[in-house]
Amino acid sequence: MRLSWLFGLVHKDLRKAPEKAEERKEAPPSRRKGRRRPVSTAALLDILGIRGLFRRLFDLAGDILKKTTVSELRVRFRAGLDDPCDTALLIGPAAAGAMLLSDILDRPVELEPAFDEAVFEGQAELAARLRPIVVAAALTRFAFTPVAARAVLILVRDRWKRRK
C-alpha cells in the first residue's frame, strides 16, 4: 500500500519490510509486566452503550467515503474447482455479477474460469484520492457532537479513577 501526498511528490510505502531474525529485539519481560491497558473494559462497554454512537460513526464513515474518488480500479480473479461442472456452476452467476459490477463501476472486472485445476487466485489494484481537509471537516463535525463529548467524558473519568 502506498500513501501519496502533494500530488504524488511525497509518498510513503506502508508495507513493512520483513525483519530478519537477528534484528528482532524482544522487550524485556519486566517492561511488559508493568504495562497497563489504555482503557478499562468497563469504560469501553460504557462507550459502546452510548445511544447514537454507531449512527454517528456510520455518518462519519459515509461522509469520508462520499468524498473519496476512485481513480483506478482493476480486479482479476481466476477460479476453478476439481469438477468442471462445479466450476461452471460457480463461475456462471459470478461472471454475470462481474459484468454487472464492471458496468456499474466503469472499470474492468475480469473473472477467468479454470476448468482443469482447483484454484482460487485474485488480484486487485485500487488507487483512490482523499483530500485531508475533507477528513478534517468530517472529524470536526463528529468531534463536536454530544455522542463524542460523552465518550470523551467517560475516557477522562476512567483515566482519573485509575490515577488514584
N, C-alpha and C. Protein backbone atom coordinates (compact mmCIF):
# COMPACT_ATOMS: atom_id res chain seq x y z
N MET A 1 0.85 -1.16 0.00
CA MET A 1 0.00 0.00 0.00
C MET A 1 0.90 1.23 0.00
N ARG A 2 0.53 2.20 -0.78
CA ARG A 2 1.35 3.40 -0.91
C ARG A 2 0.49 4.62 -0.63
N LEU A 3 0.97 5.51 0.20
CA LEU A 3 0.29 6.75 0.55
C LEU A 3 1.02 7.89 -0.12
N SER A 4 0.31 8.63 -0.97
CA SER A 4 0.93 9.75 -1.69
C SER A 4 0.37 11.06 -1.17
N TRP A 5 1.19 12.08 -1.20
CA TRP A 5 0.84 13.39 -0.68
C TRP A 5 1.38 14.44 -1.64
N LEU A 6 0.76 15.57 -1.71
CA LEU A 6 1.17 16.67 -2.57
C LEU A 6 1.27 16.23 -4.04
N PHE A 7 0.15 15.70 -4.52
CA PHE A 7 0.02 15.29 -5.91
C PHE A 7 1.05 14.26 -6.33
N GLY A 8 1.45 13.39 -5.40
CA GLY A 8 2.38 12.31 -5.70
C GLY A 8 3.84 12.68 -5.55
N LEU A 9 4.14 13.92 -5.17
CA LEU A 9 5.54 14.30 -5.00
C LEU A 9 6.16 13.67 -3.76
N VAL A 10 5.36 13.50 -2.72
CA VAL A 10 5.82 12.86 -1.48
C VAL A 10 5.02 11.58 -1.33
N HIS A 11 5.69 10.48 -1.09
CA HIS A 11 4.97 9.22 -0.93
C HIS A 11 5.67 8.35 0.10
N LYS A 12 4.89 7.43 0.65
CA LYS A 12 5.39 6.51 1.67
C LYS A 12 4.78 5.15 1.41
N ASP A 13 5.61 4.11 1.36
CA ASP A 13 5.12 2.74 1.25
C ASP A 13 4.77 2.26 2.64
N LEU A 14 3.55 1.78 2.82
CA LEU A 14 3.07 1.37 4.13
C LEU A 14 3.30 -0.09 4.45
N ARG A 15 3.81 -0.84 3.50
CA ARG A 15 4.11 -2.25 3.77
C ARG A 15 5.37 -2.32 4.60
N LYS A 16 5.35 -3.17 5.59
CA LYS A 16 6.53 -3.36 6.43
C LYS A 16 7.47 -4.34 5.76
N ALA A 17 8.73 -4.00 5.79
CA ALA A 17 9.73 -4.92 5.27
C ALA A 17 9.90 -6.06 6.26
N PRO A 18 10.02 -7.30 5.78
CA PRO A 18 10.18 -8.42 6.72
C PRO A 18 11.48 -8.27 7.51
N GLU A 19 11.35 -8.41 8.82
CA GLU A 19 12.52 -8.28 9.69
C GLU A 19 13.30 -9.58 9.73
N LYS A 20 14.59 -9.45 9.83
CA LYS A 20 15.44 -10.62 9.95
C LYS A 20 15.40 -11.10 11.39
N ALA A 21 15.68 -12.37 11.58
CA ALA A 21 15.61 -12.96 12.92
C ALA A 21 16.59 -12.30 13.88
N GLU A 22 17.76 -11.89 13.38
CA GLU A 22 18.76 -11.30 14.28
C GLU A 22 18.36 -9.89 14.70
N GLU A 23 17.63 -9.19 13.82
CA GLU A 23 17.29 -7.81 14.10
C GLU A 23 16.13 -7.67 15.08
N ARG A 24 15.33 -8.68 15.20
CA ARG A 24 14.18 -8.61 16.12
C ARG A 24 14.67 -8.56 17.56
N LYS A 25 14.18 -7.61 18.27
CA LYS A 25 14.56 -7.50 19.68
C LYS A 25 13.30 -7.64 20.52
N GLU A 26 13.32 -8.58 21.39
CA GLU A 26 12.21 -8.78 22.30
C GLU A 26 12.33 -7.82 23.46
N ALA A 27 11.20 -7.28 23.88
CA ALA A 27 11.21 -6.39 25.03
C ALA A 27 11.49 -7.21 26.28
N PRO A 28 12.21 -6.64 27.21
CA PRO A 28 12.47 -7.38 28.45
C PRO A 28 11.16 -7.71 29.16
N PRO A 29 11.09 -8.88 29.79
CA PRO A 29 9.84 -9.27 30.45
C PRO A 29 9.41 -8.28 31.52
N SER A 30 10.35 -7.61 32.17
CA SER A 30 9.97 -6.69 33.24
C SER A 30 9.20 -5.49 32.68
N ARG A 31 9.50 -5.06 31.46
CA ARG A 31 8.78 -3.93 30.88
C ARG A 31 7.36 -4.33 30.48
N ARG A 32 7.18 -5.55 30.02
CA ARG A 32 5.85 -5.99 29.62
C ARG A 32 4.90 -6.09 30.79
N LYS A 33 5.40 -6.53 31.93
CA LYS A 33 4.51 -6.71 33.09
C LYS A 33 3.93 -5.39 33.57
N GLY A 34 4.70 -4.32 33.49
CA GLY A 34 4.26 -3.05 34.03
C GLY A 34 3.26 -2.31 33.15
N ARG A 35 3.02 -2.77 31.96
CA ARG A 35 2.10 -2.07 31.08
C ARG A 35 0.67 -2.24 31.55
N ARG A 36 -0.08 -1.16 31.40
CA ARG A 36 -1.49 -1.18 31.75
C ARG A 36 -2.30 -0.99 30.48
N ARG A 37 -3.51 -1.46 30.51
CA ARG A 37 -4.39 -1.25 29.38
C ARG A 37 -4.75 0.22 29.27
N PRO A 38 -4.79 0.77 28.06
CA PRO A 38 -5.10 2.19 27.92
C PRO A 38 -6.53 2.53 28.34
N VAL A 39 -7.46 1.59 28.16
CA VAL A 39 -8.86 1.83 28.52
C VAL A 39 -9.36 0.59 29.23
N SER A 40 -10.07 0.80 30.33
CA SER A 40 -10.61 -0.35 31.06
C SER A 40 -11.79 -0.94 30.29
N THR A 41 -12.09 -2.17 30.58
CA THR A 41 -13.18 -2.86 29.91
C THR A 41 -14.52 -2.20 30.24
N ALA A 42 -14.70 -1.78 31.47
CA ALA A 42 -15.95 -1.12 31.87
C ALA A 42 -16.15 0.18 31.09
N ALA A 43 -15.08 0.94 30.93
CA ALA A 43 -15.19 2.20 30.17
C ALA A 43 -15.51 1.92 28.71
N LEU A 44 -14.89 0.89 28.15
CA LEU A 44 -15.16 0.54 26.77
C LEU A 44 -16.62 0.12 26.58
N LEU A 45 -17.15 -0.65 27.52
CA LEU A 45 -18.55 -1.05 27.44
C LEU A 45 -19.47 0.15 27.61
N ASP A 46 -19.09 1.10 28.47
CA ASP A 46 -19.89 2.31 28.62
C ASP A 46 -19.91 3.13 27.33
N ILE A 47 -18.76 3.21 26.68
CA ILE A 47 -18.70 3.95 25.41
C ILE A 47 -19.54 3.26 24.35
N LEU A 48 -19.47 1.94 24.27
CA LEU A 48 -20.27 1.21 23.29
C LEU A 48 -21.76 1.31 23.57
N GLY A 49 -22.12 1.59 24.83
CA GLY A 49 -23.53 1.71 25.20
C GLY A 49 -24.12 3.09 24.98
N ILE A 50 -23.34 4.04 24.50
CA ILE A 50 -23.85 5.38 24.26
C ILE A 50 -24.85 5.34 23.11
N ARG A 51 -26.02 5.89 23.37
CA ARG A 51 -27.08 5.90 22.36
C ARG A 51 -26.67 6.83 21.21
N GLY A 52 -26.74 6.34 20.00
CA GLY A 52 -26.44 7.14 18.82
C GLY A 52 -24.99 7.07 18.37
N LEU A 53 -24.14 6.34 19.09
CA LEU A 53 -22.72 6.27 18.73
C LEU A 53 -22.52 5.62 17.37
N PHE A 54 -23.15 4.48 17.15
CA PHE A 54 -22.94 3.76 15.90
C PHE A 54 -23.50 4.54 14.71
N ARG A 55 -24.62 5.22 14.92
CA ARG A 55 -25.18 6.03 13.84
C ARG A 55 -24.22 7.15 13.47
N ARG A 56 -23.63 7.80 14.46
CA ARG A 56 -22.67 8.87 14.19
C ARG A 56 -21.39 8.34 13.53
N LEU A 57 -20.95 7.16 13.95
CA LEU A 57 -19.77 6.56 13.33
C LEU A 57 -20.04 6.19 11.87
N PHE A 58 -21.24 5.67 11.59
CA PHE A 58 -21.61 5.37 10.21
C PHE A 58 -21.72 6.65 9.39
N ASP A 59 -22.25 7.73 10.00
CA ASP A 59 -22.31 9.01 9.30
C ASP A 59 -20.91 9.52 8.98
N LEU A 60 -19.98 9.36 9.94
CA LEU A 60 -18.60 9.78 9.72
C LEU A 60 -17.97 8.99 8.58
N ALA A 61 -18.13 7.67 8.61
CA ALA A 61 -17.59 6.84 7.53
C ALA A 61 -18.23 7.18 6.19
N GLY A 62 -19.52 7.43 6.20
CA GLY A 62 -20.22 7.80 4.97
C GLY A 62 -19.73 9.13 4.42
N ASP A 63 -19.52 10.13 5.30
CA ASP A 63 -19.00 11.42 4.86
C ASP A 63 -17.64 11.27 4.20
N ILE A 64 -16.79 10.46 4.80
CA ILE A 64 -15.45 10.28 4.25
C ILE A 64 -15.51 9.50 2.93
N LEU A 65 -16.34 8.45 2.87
CA LEU A 65 -16.43 7.65 1.64
C LEU A 65 -17.07 8.44 0.49
N LYS A 66 -17.99 9.33 0.79
CA LYS A 66 -18.61 10.13 -0.26
C LYS A 66 -17.60 11.03 -0.95
N LYS A 67 -16.63 11.49 -0.21
CA LYS A 67 -15.63 12.41 -0.76
C LYS A 67 -14.42 11.69 -1.34
N THR A 68 -14.39 10.37 -1.27
CA THR A 68 -13.30 9.59 -1.83
C THR A 68 -13.56 9.35 -3.31
N THR A 69 -12.58 9.65 -4.13
CA THR A 69 -12.73 9.41 -5.57
C THR A 69 -11.78 8.28 -5.97
N VAL A 70 -12.31 7.33 -6.70
CA VAL A 70 -11.52 6.20 -7.17
C VAL A 70 -10.99 6.55 -8.55
N SER A 71 -9.67 6.62 -8.67
CA SER A 71 -9.08 6.97 -9.96
C SER A 71 -8.70 5.73 -10.77
N GLU A 72 -8.44 4.63 -10.10
CA GLU A 72 -8.06 3.41 -10.82
C GLU A 72 -8.51 2.19 -10.02
N LEU A 73 -9.14 1.26 -10.71
CA LEU A 73 -9.56 0.01 -10.08
C LEU A 73 -9.46 -1.09 -11.12
N ARG A 74 -8.72 -2.13 -10.78
CA ARG A 74 -8.61 -3.31 -11.64
C ARG A 74 -8.75 -4.54 -10.77
N VAL A 75 -9.61 -5.45 -11.19
CA VAL A 75 -9.85 -6.68 -10.44
C VAL A 75 -9.73 -7.85 -11.41
N ARG A 76 -8.93 -8.84 -11.03
CA ARG A 76 -8.77 -10.06 -11.82
C ARG A 76 -8.87 -11.25 -10.88
N PHE A 77 -9.72 -12.20 -11.24
CA PHE A 77 -9.86 -13.43 -10.46
C PHE A 77 -9.78 -14.62 -11.39
N ARG A 78 -9.22 -15.68 -10.87
CA ARG A 78 -9.15 -16.95 -11.58
C ARG A 78 -9.64 -18.00 -10.60
N ALA A 79 -10.69 -18.69 -10.97
CA ALA A 79 -11.31 -19.64 -10.05
C ALA A 79 -11.61 -20.95 -10.77
N GLY A 80 -11.48 -22.04 -10.04
CA GLY A 80 -11.80 -23.34 -10.58
C GLY A 80 -11.92 -24.35 -9.46
N LEU A 81 -12.73 -25.36 -9.68
CA LEU A 81 -12.91 -26.45 -8.73
C LEU A 81 -12.44 -27.75 -9.37
N ASP A 82 -12.42 -28.83 -8.61
CA ASP A 82 -11.96 -30.11 -9.13
C ASP A 82 -12.80 -30.59 -10.30
N ASP A 83 -14.10 -30.43 -10.19
CA ASP A 83 -15.02 -30.89 -11.23
C ASP A 83 -15.37 -29.72 -12.15
N PRO A 84 -15.25 -29.86 -13.46
CA PRO A 84 -15.60 -28.76 -14.37
C PRO A 84 -17.06 -28.33 -14.27
N CYS A 85 -17.95 -29.26 -13.93
CA CYS A 85 -19.36 -28.89 -13.77
C CYS A 85 -19.55 -27.96 -12.57
N ASP A 86 -18.86 -28.26 -11.49
CA ASP A 86 -18.92 -27.39 -10.31
C ASP A 86 -18.32 -26.03 -10.61
N THR A 87 -17.27 -26.02 -11.41
CA THR A 87 -16.65 -24.74 -11.80
C THR A 87 -17.65 -23.91 -12.60
N ALA A 88 -18.36 -24.54 -13.53
CA ALA A 88 -19.36 -23.82 -14.33
C ALA A 88 -20.48 -23.28 -13.44
N LEU A 89 -20.91 -24.08 -12.45
CA LEU A 89 -21.96 -23.62 -11.55
C LEU A 89 -21.49 -22.44 -10.69
N LEU A 90 -20.20 -22.40 -10.39
CA LEU A 90 -19.65 -21.30 -9.61
C LEU A 90 -19.43 -20.06 -10.47
N ILE A 91 -18.85 -20.24 -11.65
CA ILE A 91 -18.46 -19.13 -12.49
C ILE A 91 -19.66 -18.48 -13.19
N GLY A 92 -20.68 -19.24 -13.51
CA GLY A 92 -21.84 -18.69 -14.22
C GLY A 92 -22.44 -17.47 -13.54
N PRO A 93 -22.97 -17.62 -12.32
CA PRO A 93 -23.53 -16.45 -11.63
C PRO A 93 -22.48 -15.40 -11.28
N ALA A 94 -21.26 -15.84 -10.96
CA ALA A 94 -20.21 -14.90 -10.60
C ALA A 94 -19.80 -14.05 -11.80
N ALA A 95 -19.79 -14.64 -13.00
CA ALA A 95 -19.44 -13.88 -14.20
C ALA A 95 -20.51 -12.84 -14.51
N ALA A 96 -21.77 -13.20 -14.30
CA ALA A 96 -22.85 -12.22 -14.50
C ALA A 96 -22.70 -11.06 -13.52
N GLY A 97 -22.38 -11.38 -12.28
CA GLY A 97 -22.15 -10.33 -11.28
C GLY A 97 -20.93 -9.48 -11.61
N ALA A 98 -19.90 -10.12 -12.14
CA ALA A 98 -18.68 -9.38 -12.51
C ALA A 98 -18.97 -8.43 -13.67
N MET A 99 -19.76 -8.87 -14.65
CA MET A 99 -20.11 -7.98 -15.76
C MET A 99 -20.95 -6.81 -15.27
N LEU A 100 -21.89 -7.08 -14.39
CA LEU A 100 -22.72 -6.01 -13.84
C LEU A 100 -21.87 -5.02 -13.05
N LEU A 101 -20.97 -5.53 -12.22
CA LEU A 101 -20.09 -4.68 -11.44
C LEU A 101 -19.16 -3.88 -12.35
N SER A 102 -18.69 -4.49 -13.42
CA SER A 102 -17.83 -3.80 -14.36
C SER A 102 -18.57 -2.64 -15.04
N ASP A 103 -19.84 -2.85 -15.36
CA ASP A 103 -20.63 -1.78 -15.98
C ASP A 103 -20.94 -0.67 -14.99
N ILE A 104 -21.25 -1.03 -13.77
CA ILE A 104 -21.58 -0.02 -12.76
C ILE A 104 -20.37 0.83 -12.43
N LEU A 105 -19.23 0.19 -12.21
CA LEU A 105 -18.02 0.91 -11.81
C LEU A 105 -17.29 1.54 -12.99
N ASP A 106 -17.63 1.11 -14.20
CA ASP A 106 -16.94 1.54 -15.41
C ASP A 106 -15.44 1.25 -15.32
N ARG A 107 -15.12 0.14 -14.72
CA ARG A 107 -13.75 -0.33 -14.55
C ARG A 107 -13.72 -1.82 -14.90
N PRO A 108 -12.60 -2.33 -15.36
CA PRO A 108 -12.56 -3.75 -15.74
C PRO A 108 -12.57 -4.69 -14.53
N VAL A 109 -13.46 -5.65 -14.57
CA VAL A 109 -13.51 -6.73 -13.59
C VAL A 109 -13.47 -8.03 -14.39
N GLU A 110 -12.38 -8.77 -14.26
CA GLU A 110 -12.18 -9.97 -15.06
C GLU A 110 -12.31 -11.21 -14.19
N LEU A 111 -13.05 -12.18 -14.67
CA LEU A 111 -13.22 -13.45 -13.98
C LEU A 111 -12.91 -14.56 -14.98
N GLU A 112 -11.87 -15.32 -14.71
CA GLU A 112 -11.42 -16.36 -15.62
C GLU A 112 -11.67 -17.73 -15.00
N PRO A 113 -12.40 -18.60 -15.70
CA PRO A 113 -12.60 -19.94 -15.17
C PRO A 113 -11.39 -20.83 -15.42
N ALA A 114 -11.11 -21.73 -14.49
CA ALA A 114 -10.04 -22.72 -14.66
C ALA A 114 -10.69 -24.09 -14.53
N PHE A 115 -10.98 -24.70 -15.67
CA PHE A 115 -11.68 -25.98 -15.67
C PHE A 115 -10.75 -27.16 -15.41
N ASP A 116 -9.45 -26.96 -15.54
CA ASP A 116 -8.52 -28.08 -15.43
C ASP A 116 -7.90 -28.25 -14.06
N GLU A 117 -8.06 -27.29 -13.16
CA GLU A 117 -7.45 -27.40 -11.83
C GLU A 117 -8.28 -26.68 -10.79
N ALA A 118 -8.07 -27.07 -9.54
CA ALA A 118 -8.74 -26.40 -8.43
C ALA A 118 -7.86 -25.22 -7.99
N VAL A 119 -8.35 -24.04 -8.23
CA VAL A 119 -7.56 -22.84 -7.94
C VAL A 119 -8.50 -21.68 -7.61
N PHE A 120 -8.04 -20.80 -6.75
CA PHE A 120 -8.76 -19.56 -6.47
C PHE A 120 -7.71 -18.49 -6.25
N GLU A 121 -7.48 -17.70 -7.28
CA GLU A 121 -6.48 -16.65 -7.23
C GLU A 121 -7.14 -15.32 -7.56
N GLY A 122 -6.63 -14.28 -6.98
CA GLY A 122 -7.19 -12.98 -7.27
C GLY A 122 -6.16 -11.88 -7.13
N GLN A 123 -6.42 -10.82 -7.84
CA GLN A 123 -5.56 -9.65 -7.78
C GLN A 123 -6.45 -8.43 -7.92
N ALA A 124 -6.20 -7.43 -7.09
CA ALA A 124 -6.96 -6.20 -7.17
C ALA A 124 -6.02 -5.02 -6.96
N GLU A 125 -6.23 -4.00 -7.75
CA GLU A 125 -5.45 -2.77 -7.62
C GLU A 125 -6.43 -1.62 -7.49
N LEU A 126 -6.15 -0.74 -6.55
CA LEU A 126 -7.03 0.39 -6.30
C LEU A 126 -6.19 1.63 -6.05
N ALA A 127 -6.55 2.69 -6.71
CA ALA A 127 -5.94 3.99 -6.45
C ALA A 127 -7.09 4.95 -6.17
N ALA A 128 -7.11 5.50 -4.98
CA ALA A 128 -8.18 6.39 -4.57
C ALA A 128 -7.59 7.71 -4.09
N ARG A 129 -8.40 8.74 -4.13
CA ARG A 129 -7.94 10.05 -3.71
C ARG A 129 -8.86 10.56 -2.62
N LEU A 130 -8.24 11.02 -1.56
CA LEU A 130 -8.98 11.56 -0.42
C LEU A 130 -8.23 12.79 0.07
N ARG A 131 -8.89 13.91 0.06
CA ARG A 131 -8.25 15.15 0.48
C ARG A 131 -8.29 15.25 2.01
N PRO A 132 -7.16 15.59 2.62
CA PRO A 132 -7.10 15.67 4.09
C PRO A 132 -8.06 16.70 4.69
N ILE A 133 -8.32 17.79 4.00
CA ILE A 133 -9.22 18.80 4.54
C ILE A 133 -10.64 18.25 4.68
N VAL A 134 -11.01 17.33 3.79
CA VAL A 134 -12.34 16.72 3.87
C VAL A 134 -12.42 15.83 5.12
N VAL A 135 -11.35 15.08 5.38
CA VAL A 135 -11.32 14.22 6.56
C VAL A 135 -11.35 15.09 7.82
N ALA A 136 -10.60 16.18 7.81
CA ALA A 136 -10.58 17.08 8.97
C ALA A 136 -11.96 17.68 9.21
N ALA A 137 -12.66 18.05 8.15
CA ALA A 137 -14.00 18.61 8.32
C ALA A 137 -14.96 17.57 8.89
N ALA A 138 -14.90 16.33 8.38
CA ALA A 138 -15.78 15.28 8.89
C ALA A 138 -15.46 14.94 10.34
N LEU A 139 -14.17 14.86 10.68
CA LEU A 139 -13.79 14.57 12.07
C LEU A 139 -14.19 15.70 13.01
N THR A 140 -14.10 16.94 12.54
CA THR A 140 -14.53 18.07 13.36
C THR A 140 -16.03 18.02 13.60
N ARG A 141 -16.78 17.71 12.55
CA ARG A 141 -18.24 17.57 12.72
C ARG A 141 -18.57 16.47 13.73
N PHE A 142 -17.82 15.36 13.68
CA PHE A 142 -18.06 14.27 14.62
C PHE A 142 -17.62 14.66 16.04
N ALA A 143 -16.51 15.38 16.14
CA ALA A 143 -15.96 15.70 17.46
C ALA A 143 -16.87 16.63 18.26
N PHE A 144 -17.65 17.45 17.59
CA PHE A 144 -18.50 18.39 18.30
C PHE A 144 -19.94 17.91 18.42
N THR A 145 -20.13 16.61 18.46
CA THR A 145 -21.46 16.05 18.70
C THR A 145 -21.57 15.64 20.16
N PRO A 146 -22.77 15.57 20.69
CA PRO A 146 -22.94 15.13 22.09
C PRO A 146 -22.43 13.71 22.32
N VAL A 147 -22.51 12.87 21.31
CA VAL A 147 -22.02 11.49 21.44
C VAL A 147 -20.52 11.48 21.70
N ALA A 148 -19.77 12.26 20.95
CA ALA A 148 -18.32 12.32 21.14
C ALA A 148 -17.98 12.93 22.50
N ALA A 149 -18.74 13.93 22.92
CA ALA A 149 -18.49 14.54 24.23
C ALA A 149 -18.70 13.53 25.35
N ARG A 150 -19.75 12.70 25.23
CA ARG A 150 -19.99 11.66 26.25
C ARG A 150 -18.85 10.64 26.28
N ALA A 151 -18.38 10.26 25.10
CA ALA A 151 -17.27 9.29 25.03
C ALA A 151 -16.01 9.86 25.65
N VAL A 152 -15.71 11.12 25.38
CA VAL A 152 -14.52 11.75 25.97
C VAL A 152 -14.68 11.85 27.48
N LEU A 153 -15.87 12.17 27.93
CA LEU A 153 -16.12 12.27 29.37
C LEU A 153 -15.91 10.91 30.05
N ILE A 154 -16.36 9.85 29.45
CA ILE A 154 -16.15 8.51 30.01
C ILE A 154 -14.67 8.17 30.06
N LEU A 155 -13.93 8.50 28.99
CA LEU A 155 -12.50 8.22 28.97
C LEU A 155 -11.75 9.02 30.03
N VAL A 156 -12.12 10.29 30.21
CA VAL A 156 -11.46 11.12 31.22
C VAL A 156 -11.75 10.60 32.61
N ARG A 157 -13.00 10.23 32.88
CA ARG A 157 -13.35 9.68 34.20
C ARG A 157 -12.58 8.39 34.47
N ASP A 158 -12.48 7.53 33.45
CA ASP A 158 -11.77 6.27 33.63
C ASP A 158 -10.29 6.53 33.93
N ARG A 159 -9.69 7.43 33.21
CA ARG A 159 -8.28 7.75 33.43
C ARG A 159 -8.09 8.36 34.81
N TRP A 160 -9.01 9.20 35.24
CA TRP A 160 -8.92 9.84 36.55
C TRP A 160 -9.03 8.82 37.68
N LYS A 161 -9.94 7.85 37.51
CA LYS A 161 -10.10 6.80 38.54
C LYS A 161 -8.85 5.95 38.66
N ARG A 162 -8.22 5.67 37.54
CA ARG A 162 -7.05 4.79 37.56
C ARG A 162 -5.81 5.50 38.11
N ARG A 163 -5.79 6.80 38.13
CA ARG A 163 -4.63 7.52 38.67
C ARG A 163 -4.65 7.54 40.19
N LYS A 164 -5.82 7.44 40.78
CA LYS A 164 -5.91 7.50 42.25
C LYS A 164 -5.42 6.25 42.90
